Amino acid sequence: MPNDQPRMWNYKSTYQDPLRTNTTHLASGVVIQTDAPTDNHGLGETFSPTDLLSTSLATCVMTIMGIHSQSKAYALAGIRANIQKTMAAQPRRVAAITIDLEVSISGAFTAHDQEMLERAARACPVAQSLHPDLAQNLSFQFQRV
């Protein structure tokens, strides 16, 4: 049975020469821009689409950690992530994403809490959506504040 409801779009993207896109988040009006990287015929003046893929994994991990910690005896005081993307050829694709997370915690934080927080982070929706051949290398350094 056909759906007679109009489709509700979340984003709108436009292409601009040379090898640039602009994407609008329709609910907020926020615009992000991408460029093809310099090693693939682009200007490399802003994030590439594969950069966004890599940073999406990191930001999803951090968001899930924040959600997970909201009802705990400890507080997530902050997270910093350093992200490295490794490309492969034939076919050109992201082969690996390495993320080093520096996590600041206050309050009662046990080894079990750390294990559960890391497990939740590794199961974020972006991580679950990526192809299993893409290596996801996450490391966590916890510090009390």
C-alpha atoms as a PDB file:
ATOM      1  CA  MET A   1       0.000   0.000   0.000  1.00  0.00           C
ATOM      2  CA  PRO A   2       1.536   3.341  -1.008  1.00  0.00           C
ATOM      3  CA  ASN A   3       2.250   5.853   1.701  1.00  0.00           C
ATOM      4  CA  ASP A   4       0.253   9.021   1.008  1.00  0.00           C
ATOM      5  CA  GLN A   5       2.089  11.018   3.654  1.00  0.00           C
ATOM      6  CA  PRO A   6       4.664  13.514   2.373  1.00  0.00           C
ATOM      7  CA  ARG A   7       8.219  12.507   3.165  1.00  0.00           C
ATOM      8  CA  MET A   8       9.744  14.512   6.001  1.00  0.00           C
ATOM      9  CA  TRP A   9      13.379  15.148   5.129  1.00  0.00           C
ATOM     10  CA  ASN A  10      16.009  15.674   7.834  1.00  0.00           C
ATOM     11  CA  TYR A  11      18.773  17.245   5.732  1.00  0.00           C
ATOM     12  CA  LYS A  12      19.288  18.954   2.395  1.00  0.00           C
ATOM     13  CA  SER A  13      22.590  18.790   0.501  1.00  0.00           C
ATOM     14  CA  THR A  14      23.792  20.745  -2.504  1.00  0.00           C
ATOM     15  CA  TYR A  15      26.874  20.286  -4.666  1.00  0.00           C
ATOM     16  CA  GLN A  16      29.092  23.207  -5.657  1.00  0.00           C
ATOM     17  CA  ASP A  17      32.003  23.024  -8.019  1.00  0.00           C
ATOM     18  CA  PRO A  18      34.839  22.370  -7.258  1.00  0.00           C
ATOM     19  CA  LEU A  19      34.089  19.192  -5.276  1.00  0.00           C
ATOM     20  CA  ARG A  20      32.307  20.904  -2.378  1.00  0.00           C
ATOM     21  CA  THR A  21      28.970  20.194  -0.704  1.00  0.00           C
ATOM     22  CA  ASN A  22      26.791  22.144   1.706  1.00  0.00           C
ATOM     23  CA  THR A  23      24.391  20.238   3.935  1.00  0.00           C
ATOM     24  CA  THR A  24      21.679  21.891   6.002  1.00  0.00           C
ATOM     25  CA  HIS A  25      20.171  20.370   9.136  1.00  0.00           C
ATOM     26  CA  LEU A  26      16.582  21.340   8.395  1.00  0.00           C
ATOM     27  CA  ALA A  27      15.352  21.454  12.004  1.00  0.00           C
ATOM     28  CA  SER A  28      18.032  23.948  13.103  1.00  0.00           C
ATOM     29  CA  GLY A  29      19.285  25.547   9.901  1.00  0.00           C
ATOM     30  CA  VAL A  30      22.902  24.678  10.764  1.00  0.00           C
ATOM     31  CA  VAL A  31      25.036  24.163   7.660  1.00  0.00           C
ATOM     32  CA  ILE A  32      28.130  21.999   7.337  1.00  0.00           C
ATOM     33  CA  GLN A  33      30.426  22.032   4.348  1.00  0.00           C
ATOM     34  CA  THR A  34      32.655  19.335   2.896  1.00  0.00           C
ATOM     35  CA  ASP A  35      35.505  19.411   0.420  1.00  0.00           C
ATOM     36  CA  ALA A  36      37.172  16.562  -1.364  1.00  0.00           C
ATOM     37  CA  PRO A  37      40.630  16.109   0.195  1.00  0.00           C
ATOM     38  CA  THR A  38      43.726  17.353  -1.589  1.00  0.00           C
ATOM     39  CA  ASP A  39      44.858  13.783  -2.275  1.00  0.00           C
ATOM     40  CA  ASN A  40      41.609  13.171  -4.167  1.00  0.00           C
ATOM     41  CA  HIS A  41      41.366  16.227  -6.462  1.00  0.00           C
ATOM     42  CA  GLY A  42      39.830  18.552  -3.862  1.00  0.00           C
ATOM     43  CA  LEU A  43      40.688  21.789  -2.142  1.00  0.00           C
ATOM     44  CA  GLY A  44      40.862  20.251   1.338  1.00  0.00           C
ATOM     45  CA  GLU A  45      39.725  23.517   2.921  1.00  0.00           C
ATOM     46  CA  THR A  46      37.276  21.866   5.306  1.00  0.00           C
ATOM     47  CA  PHE A  47      36.179  18.412   6.425  1.00  0.00           C
ATOM     48  CA  SER A  48      35.927  15.709   3.788  1.00  0.00           C
ATOM     49  CA  PRO A  49      33.011  13.272   3.850  1.00  0.00           C
ATOM     50  CA  THR A  50      35.305  10.586   5.277  1.00  0.00           C
ATOM     51  CA  ASP A  51      36.493  13.042   7.950  1.00  0.00           C
ATOM     52  CA  LEU A  52      32.852  13.418   8.986  1.00  0.00           C
ATOM     53  CA  LEU A  53      32.493   9.643   9.110  1.00  0.00           C
ATOM     54  CA  SER A  54      35.483   9.427  11.447  1.00  0.00           C
ATOM     55  CA  THR A  55      34.418  12.300  13.669  1.00  0.00           C
ATOM     56  CA  SER A  56      30.848  10.942  13.724  1.00  0.00           C
ATOM     57  CA  LEU A  57      32.153   7.822  15.412  1.00  0.00           C
ATOM     58  CA  ALA A  58      33.989   9.895  18.031  1.00  0.00           C
ATOM     59  CA  THR A  59      31.084  12.233  18.735  1.00  0.00           C
ATOM     60  CA  CYS A  60      28.652   9.309  18.932  1.00  0.00           C
ATOM     61  CA  VAL A  61      30.922   7.525  21.421  1.00  0.00           C
ATOM     62  CA  MET A  62      31.119  10.669  23.578  1.00  0.00           C
ATOM     63  CA  THR A  63      27.368  11.287  23.405  1.00  0.00           C
ATOM     64  CA  ILE A  64      26.546   7.718  24.433  1.00  0.00           C
ATOM     65  CA  MET A  65      29.015   7.991  27.323  1.00  0.00           C
ATOM     66  CA  GLY A  66      27.218  11.155  28.437  1.00  0.00           C
ATOM     67  CA  ILE A  67      23.809   9.504  28.220  1.00  0.00           C
ATOM     68  CA  HIS A  68      25.043   6.400  30.056  1.00  0.00           C
ATOM     69  CA  SER A  69      26.553   8.423  32.901  1.00  0.00           C
ATOM     70  CA  GLN A  70      23.529  10.667  33.561  1.00  0.00           C
ATOM     71  CA  SER A  71      21.975   8.419  36.213  1.00  0.00           C
ATOM     72  CA  LYS A  72      25.194   7.226  37.859  1.00  0.00           C
ATOM     73  CA  ALA A  73      26.931   8.047  41.146  1.00  0.00           C
ATOM     74  CA  TYR A  74      29.774   9.631  39.190  1.00  0.00           C
ATOM     75  CA  ALA A  75      29.774  12.643  36.895  1.00  0.00           C
ATOM     76  CA  LEU A  76      31.286  12.832  33.444  1.00  0.00           C
ATOM     77  CA  ALA A  77      33.192  16.107  33.772  1.00  0.00           C
ATOM     78  CA  GLY A  78      34.471  16.121  30.194  1.00  0.00           C
ATOM     79  CA  ILE A  79      35.865  14.121  27.311  1.00  0.00           C
ATOM     80  CA  ARG A  80      38.511  15.019  24.759  1.00  0.00           C
ATOM     81  CA  ALA A  81      39.035  12.868  21.692  1.00  0.00           C
ATOM     82  CA  ASN A  82      41.929  12.703  19.265  1.00  0.00           C
ATOM     83  CA  ILE A  83      40.881  11.069  16.016  1.00  0.00           C
ATOM     84  CA  GLN A  84      42.936   9.538  13.221  1.00  0.00           C
ATOM     85  CA  LYS A  85      41.502   8.248   9.971  1.00  0.00           C
ATOM     86  CA  THR A  86      43.443   5.741   7.865  1.00  0.00           C
ATOM     87  CA  MET A  87      42.479   5.396   4.229  1.00  0.00           C
ATOM     88  CA  ALA A  88      42.898   2.339   2.006  1.00  0.00           C
ATOM     89  CA  ALA A  89      43.037   2.086  -1.779  1.00  0.00           C
ATOM     90  CA  GLN A  90      41.388  -0.342  -4.186  1.00  0.00           C
ATOM     91  CA  PRO A  91      38.684   0.475  -3.345  1.00  0.00           C
ATOM     92  CA  ARG A  92      39.264   3.889  -1.786  1.00  0.00           C
ATOM     93  CA  ARG A  93      37.665   3.696   1.637  1.00  0.00           C
ATOM     94  CA  VAL A  94      38.240   4.298   5.326  1.00  0.00           C
ATOM     95  CA  ALA A  95      40.193   1.292   6.584  1.00  0.00           C
ATOM     96  CA  ALA A  96      40.556   2.310  10.224  1.00  0.00           C
ATOM     97  CA  ILE A  97      39.495   4.932  12.727  1.00  0.00           C
ATOM     98  CA  THR A  98      41.637   5.356  15.831  1.00  0.00           C
ATOM     99  CA  ILE A  99      40.230   7.395  18.700  1.00  0.00           C
ATOM    100  CA  ASP A 100      42.055   8.194  21.930  1.00  0.00           C
ATOM    101  CA  LEU A 101      39.589   9.428  24.540  1.00  0.00           C
ATOM    102  CA  GLU A 102      40.659  11.370  27.629  1.00  0.00           C
ATOM    103  CA  VAL A 103      37.773  11.066  30.077  1.00  0.00           C
ATOM    104  CA  SER A 104      37.489  13.232  33.195  1.00  0.00           C
ATOM    105  CA  ILE A 105      35.357  11.724  35.972  1.00  0.00           C
ATOM    106  CA  SER A 106      34.270  13.023  39.362  1.00  0.00           C
ATOM    107  CA  GLY A 107      32.454  11.179  42.127  1.00  0.00           C
ATOM    108  CA  ALA A 108      32.301   7.486  42.952  1.00  0.00           C
ATOM    109  CA  PHE A 109      33.660   5.666  39.888  1.00  0.00           C
ATOM    110  CA  THR A 110      34.471   1.960  40.169  1.00  0.00           C
ATOM    111  CA  ALA A 111      36.258  -0.470  37.869  1.00  0.00           C
ATOM    112  CA  HIS A 112      32.838  -1.940  37.062  1.00  0.00           C
ATOM    113  CA  ASP A 113      31.548   1.545  36.131  1.00  0.00           C
ATOM    114  CA  GLN A 114      34.525   1.999  33.808  1.00  0.00           C
ATOM    115  CA  GLU A 115      33.883  -1.359  32.141  1.00  0.00           C
ATOM    116  CA  MET A 116      30.191  -0.554  31.625  1.00  0.00           C
ATOM    117  CA  LEU A 117      30.949   2.938  30.303  1.00  0.00           C
ATOM    118  CA  GLU A 118      33.486   1.605  27.800  1.00  0.00           C
ATOM    119  CA  ARG A 119      31.061  -1.133  26.720  1.00  0.00           C
ATOM    120  CA  ALA A 120      28.290   1.428  26.137  1.00  0.00           C
ATOM    121  CA  ALA A 121      30.688   3.632  24.170  1.00  0.00           C
ATOM    122  CA  ARG A 122      31.789   0.803  21.871  1.00  0.00           C
ATOM    123  CA  ALA A 123      28.133  -0.036  21.154  1.00  0.00           C
ATOM    124  CA  CYS A 124      27.139   3.453  19.991  1.00  0.00           C
ATOM    125  CA  PRO A 125      24.818   3.613  16.949  1.00  0.00           C
ATOM    126  CA  VAL A 126      27.542   4.825  14.576  1.00  0.00           C
ATOM    127  CA  ALA A 127      29.881   2.015  15.645  1.00  0.00           C
ATOM    128  CA  GLN A 128      27.086  -0.483  15.040  1.00  0.00           C
ATOM    129  CA  SER A 129      26.413   0.992  11.583  1.00  0.00           C
ATOM    130  CA  LEU A 130      29.940   0.786  10.201  1.00  0.00           C
ATOM    131  CA  HIS A 131      31.107  -2.131   8.067  1.00  0.00           C
ATOM    132  CA  PRO A 132      32.882  -4.830  10.101  1.00  0.00           C
ATOM    133  CA  ASP A 133      35.977  -4.538   7.866  1.00  0.00           C
ATOM    134  CA  LEU A 134      36.511  -0.979   9.144  1.00  0.00           C
ATOM    135  CA  ALA A 135      38.799  -1.232  12.188  1.00  0.00           C
ATOM    136  CA  GLN A 136      37.520   0.784  15.141  1.00  0.00           C
ATOM    137  CA  ASN A 137      40.427   1.339  17.542  1.00  0.00           C
ATOM    138  CA  LEU A 138      39.225   3.052  20.706  1.00  0.00           C
ATOM    139  CA  SER A 139      41.360   3.691  23.761  1.00  0.00           C
ATOM    140  CA  PHE A 140      40.238   5.290  27.006  1.00  0.00           C
ATOM    141  CA  GLN A 141      42.311   7.184  29.571  1.00  0.00           C
ATOM    142  CA  PHE A 142      40.328   8.010  32.708  1.00  0.00           C
ATOM    143  CA  GLN A 143      41.314  10.698  35.164  1.00  0.00           C
ATOM    144  CA  ARG A 144      39.613  11.885  38.328  1.00  0.00           C
ATOM    145  CA  VAL A 145      38.920  15.568  38.753  1.00  0.00           C
END
